[in-house]
Amino acid sequence: MDDRQLEELLLRYRPAEPATDLIAQITQSPNHQITKSAWLWSAAAALFVVAVALHGVSFTASPDYSQAERQREIAEVTAALGEGSLDHGVAALIVQREHARAEQQR
């Protein structure tokens, strides 16, 4: 087998060219709306994360509020709630929100 015969054999098994309208088929996909809705949901989720982050930052205690005062108030609220396993976390949230409200009203 010489080079010419090998070349003829290889040309027989050459891969086919892509279709001429392949680009049009890809860009005019019937699932074009799915892509738009995915971007919409992604943007909405990103805005939600930003809103939650900004909300958390806005409810920080004032710098003059000492840690000892905060712990005392949390203990009082926890005792009023009943000393349950989740009551300490709920009490901390209540105290934080009350101080944030007081700061906003100033």
N, C-alpha and C. Protein backbone atom coordinates (compact mmCIF):
# COMPACT_ATOMS: atom_id res chain seq x y z
N MET A 1 0.86 -1.17 0.00
CA MET A 1 0.00 0.00 0.00
C MET A 1 0.91 1.24 0.00
N ASP A 2 0.68 2.09 -0.98
CA ASP A 2 1.47 3.31 -1.07
C ASP A 2 0.68 4.50 -0.50
N ASP A 3 1.26 5.64 -0.53
CA ASP A 3 0.66 6.85 0.05
C ASP A 3 -0.65 7.23 -0.64
N ARG A 4 -0.71 7.07 -1.94
CA ARG A 4 -1.91 7.44 -2.68
C ARG A 4 -3.08 6.54 -2.29
N GLN A 5 -2.85 5.26 -2.15
CA GLN A 5 -3.92 4.33 -1.76
C GLN A 5 -4.36 4.62 -0.32
N LEU A 6 -3.41 4.92 0.54
CA LEU A 6 -3.75 5.24 1.93
C LEU A 6 -4.58 6.52 2.00
N GLU A 7 -4.24 7.50 1.20
CA GLU A 7 -4.98 8.75 1.17
C GLU A 7 -6.40 8.53 0.67
N GLU A 8 -6.59 7.71 -0.35
CA GLU A 8 -7.93 7.39 -0.86
C GLU A 8 -8.75 6.66 0.19
N LEU A 9 -8.13 5.78 0.92
CA LEU A 9 -8.82 5.04 1.98
C LEU A 9 -9.26 5.98 3.10
N LEU A 10 -8.39 6.89 3.47
CA LEU A 10 -8.73 7.84 4.53
C LEU A 10 -9.83 8.80 4.10
N LEU A 11 -9.85 9.20 2.84
CA LEU A 11 -10.90 10.09 2.34
C LEU A 11 -12.27 9.41 2.39
N ARG A 12 -12.30 8.09 2.24
CA ARG A 12 -13.58 7.37 2.30
C ARG A 12 -14.20 7.46 3.70
N TYR A 13 -13.37 7.55 4.72
CA TYR A 13 -13.86 7.56 6.10
C TYR A 13 -13.76 8.94 6.74
N ARG A 14 -13.76 9.93 5.93
CA ARG A 14 -13.68 11.31 6.40
C ARG A 14 -15.00 11.69 7.08
N PRO A 15 -14.94 12.43 8.20
CA PRO A 15 -16.19 12.82 8.87
C PRO A 15 -16.99 13.79 8.01
N ALA A 16 -18.29 13.76 8.18
CA ALA A 16 -19.18 14.62 7.39
C ALA A 16 -19.06 16.06 7.89
N GLU A 17 -19.30 16.99 6.98
CA GLU A 17 -19.30 18.41 7.31
C GLU A 17 -20.57 18.73 8.11
N PRO A 18 -20.53 19.74 8.98
CA PRO A 18 -21.76 20.12 9.69
C PRO A 18 -22.78 20.71 8.73
N ALA A 19 -24.03 20.62 9.08
CA ALA A 19 -25.10 21.15 8.24
C ALA A 19 -24.94 22.66 8.09
N THR A 20 -25.33 23.18 6.94
CA THR A 20 -25.16 24.61 6.68
C THR A 20 -26.09 25.46 7.55
N ASP A 21 -27.23 24.93 7.96
CA ASP A 21 -28.16 25.67 8.79
C ASP A 21 -28.03 25.34 10.28
N LEU A 22 -26.89 24.80 10.68
CA LEU A 22 -26.68 24.42 12.07
C LEU A 22 -26.74 25.61 13.01
N ILE A 23 -26.13 26.71 12.65
CA ILE A 23 -26.16 27.92 13.48
C ILE A 23 -27.58 28.41 13.67
N ALA A 24 -28.38 28.40 12.61
CA ALA A 24 -29.77 28.84 12.70
C ALA A 24 -30.57 27.91 13.61
N GLN A 25 -30.31 26.62 13.54
CA GLN A 25 -31.02 25.66 14.39
C GLN A 25 -30.69 25.90 15.86
N ILE A 26 -29.44 26.22 16.15
CA ILE A 26 -29.03 26.43 17.54
C ILE A 26 -29.62 27.72 18.10
N THR A 27 -29.54 28.80 17.33
CA THR A 27 -30.01 30.10 17.83
C THR A 27 -31.52 30.22 17.85
N GLN A 28 -32.22 29.44 17.07
CA GLN A 28 -33.68 29.50 17.06
C GLN A 28 -34.27 28.29 17.75
N SER A 29 -33.70 27.92 18.88
CA SER A 29 -34.16 26.76 19.64
C SER A 29 -35.54 27.02 20.22
N PRO A 30 -36.41 26.01 20.28
CA PRO A 30 -37.73 26.21 20.89
C PRO A 30 -37.65 26.43 22.40
N ASN A 31 -36.51 26.14 23.00
CA ASN A 31 -36.35 26.32 24.44
C ASN A 31 -35.77 27.68 24.80
N HIS A 32 -35.95 28.66 23.93
CA HIS A 32 -35.40 30.00 24.16
C HIS A 32 -36.02 30.62 25.42
N GLN A 33 -37.28 30.37 25.70
CA GLN A 33 -37.95 30.93 26.88
C GLN A 33 -37.37 30.35 28.16
N ILE A 34 -36.95 29.10 28.13
CA ILE A 34 -36.37 28.48 29.32
C ILE A 34 -35.11 29.24 29.73
N THR A 35 -34.31 29.62 28.78
CA THR A 35 -33.10 30.37 29.07
C THR A 35 -33.43 31.71 29.71
N LYS A 36 -34.44 32.40 29.18
CA LYS A 36 -34.84 33.69 29.75
C LYS A 36 -35.34 33.53 31.18
N SER A 37 -36.14 32.52 31.43
CA SER A 37 -36.68 32.35 32.78
C SER A 37 -35.59 31.95 33.77
N ALA A 38 -34.59 31.21 33.31
CA ALA A 38 -33.49 30.85 34.21
C ALA A 38 -32.72 32.09 34.64
N TRP A 39 -32.50 33.01 33.72
CA TRP A 39 -31.82 34.26 34.07
C TRP A 39 -32.67 35.09 35.01
N LEU A 40 -33.96 35.10 34.79
CA LEU A 40 -34.86 35.87 35.64
C LEU A 40 -34.82 35.33 37.08
N TRP A 41 -34.89 34.01 37.22
CA TRP A 41 -34.86 33.41 38.56
C TRP A 41 -33.50 33.63 39.23
N SER A 42 -32.43 33.58 38.46
CA SER A 42 -31.10 33.83 39.02
C SER A 42 -30.98 35.26 39.53
N ALA A 43 -31.49 36.20 38.77
CA ALA A 43 -31.45 37.60 39.19
C ALA A 43 -32.30 37.82 40.44
N ALA A 44 -33.47 37.18 40.48
CA ALA A 44 -34.34 37.31 41.65
C ALA A 44 -33.67 36.73 42.89
N ALA A 45 -33.02 35.59 42.73
CA ALA A 45 -32.32 34.98 43.88
C ALA A 45 -31.18 35.86 44.35
N ALA A 46 -30.45 36.47 43.44
CA ALA A 46 -29.35 37.35 43.82
C ALA A 46 -29.87 38.57 44.57
N LEU A 47 -30.96 39.15 44.10
CA LEU A 47 -31.56 40.30 44.80
C LEU A 47 -32.06 39.91 46.19
N PHE A 48 -32.60 38.71 46.30
CA PHE A 48 -33.07 38.23 47.60
C PHE A 48 -31.91 38.11 48.58
N VAL A 49 -30.79 37.55 48.13
CA VAL A 49 -29.61 37.41 48.99
C VAL A 49 -29.10 38.77 49.44
N VAL A 50 -29.08 39.73 48.52
CA VAL A 50 -28.63 41.08 48.88
C VAL A 50 -29.58 41.71 49.90
N ALA A 51 -30.88 41.53 49.70
CA ALA A 51 -31.86 42.10 50.63
C ALA A 51 -31.72 41.50 52.02
N VAL A 52 -31.53 40.19 52.10
CA VAL A 52 -31.37 39.54 53.39
C VAL A 52 -30.08 40.01 54.07
N ALA A 53 -29.02 40.15 53.30
CA ALA A 53 -27.75 40.62 53.88
C ALA A 53 -27.88 42.04 54.41
N LEU A 54 -28.52 42.91 53.64
CA LEU A 54 -28.71 44.29 54.09
C LEU A 54 -29.64 44.36 55.30
N HIS A 55 -30.62 43.50 55.34
CA HIS A 55 -31.54 43.46 56.48
C HIS A 55 -30.78 43.05 57.74
N GLY A 56 -29.91 42.06 57.63
CA GLY A 56 -29.12 41.62 58.78
C GLY A 56 -28.18 42.69 59.28
N VAL A 57 -27.61 43.43 58.36
CA VAL A 57 -26.68 44.51 58.75
C VAL A 57 -27.43 45.64 59.43
N SER A 58 -28.65 45.90 59.03
CA SER A 58 -29.40 47.02 59.59
C SER A 58 -29.86 46.77 61.02
N PHE A 59 -29.87 45.53 61.47
CA PHE A 59 -30.32 45.22 62.82
C PHE A 59 -29.16 44.89 63.74
N THR A 60 -28.11 45.67 63.70
CA THR A 60 -26.99 45.48 64.61
C THR A 60 -27.17 46.37 65.83
N ALA A 61 -26.65 45.94 66.94
CA ALA A 61 -26.79 46.71 68.18
C ALA A 61 -25.90 47.94 68.12
N SER A 62 -26.28 48.95 68.86
CA SER A 62 -25.48 50.17 68.89
C SER A 62 -24.18 49.93 69.65
N PRO A 63 -23.13 50.69 69.36
CA PRO A 63 -21.83 50.44 69.99
C PRO A 63 -21.83 50.71 71.49
N ASP A 64 -22.71 51.58 71.98
CA ASP A 64 -22.70 51.88 73.42
C ASP A 64 -23.45 50.82 74.24
N TYR A 65 -24.04 49.88 73.57
CA TYR A 65 -24.79 48.81 74.23
C TYR A 65 -23.81 47.71 74.62
N SER A 66 -23.62 47.49 75.92
CA SER A 66 -22.59 46.55 76.37
C SER A 66 -23.06 45.10 76.26
N GLN A 67 -22.10 44.22 76.19
CA GLN A 67 -22.39 42.78 76.08
C GLN A 67 -23.07 42.27 77.35
N ALA A 68 -22.67 42.80 78.50
CA ALA A 68 -23.27 42.36 79.77
C ALA A 68 -24.75 42.73 79.83
N GLU A 69 -25.08 43.95 79.37
CA GLU A 69 -26.49 44.37 79.35
C GLU A 69 -27.29 43.48 78.41
N ARG A 70 -26.70 43.16 77.27
CA ARG A 70 -27.39 42.32 76.29
C ARG A 70 -27.65 40.93 76.87
N GLN A 71 -26.64 40.33 77.51
CA GLN A 71 -26.80 39.00 78.09
C GLN A 71 -27.85 39.01 79.20
N ARG A 72 -27.89 40.09 79.99
CA ARG A 72 -28.88 40.19 81.07
C ARG A 72 -30.29 40.25 80.49
N GLU A 73 -30.47 41.06 79.45
CA GLU A 73 -31.80 41.17 78.83
C GLU A 73 -32.21 39.85 78.17
N ILE A 74 -31.27 39.17 77.53
CA ILE A 74 -31.58 37.88 76.91
C ILE A 74 -31.98 36.87 77.98
N ALA A 75 -31.30 36.87 79.12
CA ALA A 75 -31.64 35.96 80.21
C ALA A 75 -33.04 36.25 80.73
N GLU A 76 -33.40 37.52 80.85
CA GLU A 76 -34.74 37.88 81.32
C GLU A 76 -35.82 37.41 80.34
N VAL A 77 -35.60 37.65 79.06
CA VAL A 77 -36.58 37.23 78.05
C VAL A 77 -36.65 35.70 77.99
N THR A 78 -35.51 35.02 78.09
CA THR A 78 -35.50 33.55 78.08
C THR A 78 -36.31 33.01 79.26
N ALA A 79 -36.14 33.60 80.43
CA ALA A 79 -36.90 33.17 81.62
C ALA A 79 -38.39 33.39 81.40
N ALA A 80 -38.74 34.50 80.77
CA ALA A 80 -40.16 34.78 80.51
C ALA A 80 -40.74 33.81 79.49
N LEU A 81 -39.90 33.33 78.54
CA LEU A 81 -40.38 32.40 77.53
C LEU A 81 -40.49 30.97 78.05
N GLY A 82 -39.78 30.64 79.12
CA GLY A 82 -39.92 29.32 79.70
C GLY A 82 -38.67 28.47 79.73
N GLU A 83 -37.51 29.01 79.42
CA GLU A 83 -36.23 28.29 79.52
C GLU A 83 -36.16 27.04 78.64
N GLY A 84 -36.81 27.04 77.48
CA GLY A 84 -36.73 25.90 76.56
C GLY A 84 -35.45 25.91 75.77
N SER A 85 -35.23 24.86 74.97
CA SER A 85 -33.99 24.75 74.21
C SER A 85 -33.87 25.80 73.11
N LEU A 86 -34.98 26.19 72.51
CA LEU A 86 -34.96 27.20 71.46
C LEU A 86 -35.19 28.61 71.98
N ASP A 87 -35.60 28.71 73.23
CA ASP A 87 -35.99 30.01 73.76
C ASP A 87 -34.84 30.99 73.86
N HIS A 88 -33.61 30.51 74.05
CA HIS A 88 -32.47 31.42 74.14
C HIS A 88 -32.23 32.12 72.80
N GLY A 89 -32.31 31.38 71.71
CA GLY A 89 -32.14 31.98 70.38
C GLY A 89 -33.25 32.96 70.06
N VAL A 90 -34.48 32.60 70.41
CA VAL A 90 -35.62 33.48 70.16
C VAL A 90 -35.47 34.74 71.01
N ALA A 91 -35.04 34.58 72.24
CA ALA A 91 -34.85 35.73 73.13
C ALA A 91 -33.78 36.67 72.58
N ALA A 92 -32.69 36.11 72.07
CA ALA A 92 -31.63 36.94 71.50
C ALA A 92 -32.16 37.73 70.30
N LEU A 93 -32.98 37.09 69.49
CA LEU A 93 -33.56 37.78 68.34
C LEU A 93 -34.50 38.90 68.79
N ILE A 94 -35.31 38.63 69.80
CA ILE A 94 -36.24 39.65 70.31
C ILE A 94 -35.47 40.85 70.84
N VAL A 95 -34.44 40.60 71.63
CA VAL A 95 -33.65 41.69 72.21
C VAL A 95 -32.98 42.50 71.09
N GLN A 96 -32.44 41.81 70.10
CA GLN A 96 -31.77 42.50 68.99
C GLN A 96 -32.75 43.39 68.24
N ARG A 97 -33.93 42.88 67.96
CA ARG A 97 -34.93 43.66 67.23
C ARG A 97 -35.43 44.86 68.03
N GLU A 98 -35.61 44.67 69.32
CA GLU A 98 -36.08 45.78 70.16
C GLU A 98 -35.05 46.91 70.19
N HIS A 99 -33.78 46.55 70.27
CA HIS A 99 -32.75 47.59 70.27
C HIS A 99 -32.64 48.25 68.90
N ALA A 100 -32.84 47.49 67.85
CA ALA A 100 -32.81 48.08 66.50
C ALA A 100 -33.97 49.05 66.32
N ARG A 101 -35.15 48.70 66.83
CA ARG A 101 -36.31 49.58 66.76
C ARG A 101 -36.06 50.86 67.54
N ALA A 102 -35.47 50.70 68.72
CA ALA A 102 -35.17 51.88 69.54
C ALA A 102 -34.18 52.80 68.81
N GLU A 103 -33.20 52.23 68.12
CA GLU A 103 -32.23 53.03 67.37
C GLU A 103 -32.90 53.75 66.21
N GLN A 104 -33.84 53.09 65.57
CA GLN A 104 -34.52 53.72 64.43
C GLN A 104 -35.43 54.86 64.87
N GLN A 105 -35.97 54.77 66.07
CA GLN A 105 -36.88 55.80 66.56
C GLN A 105 -36.15 57.02 67.07
N ARG A 106 -34.85 56.93 67.26
CA ARG A 106 -34.09 58.08 67.76
C ARG A 106 -33.99 59.16 66.74
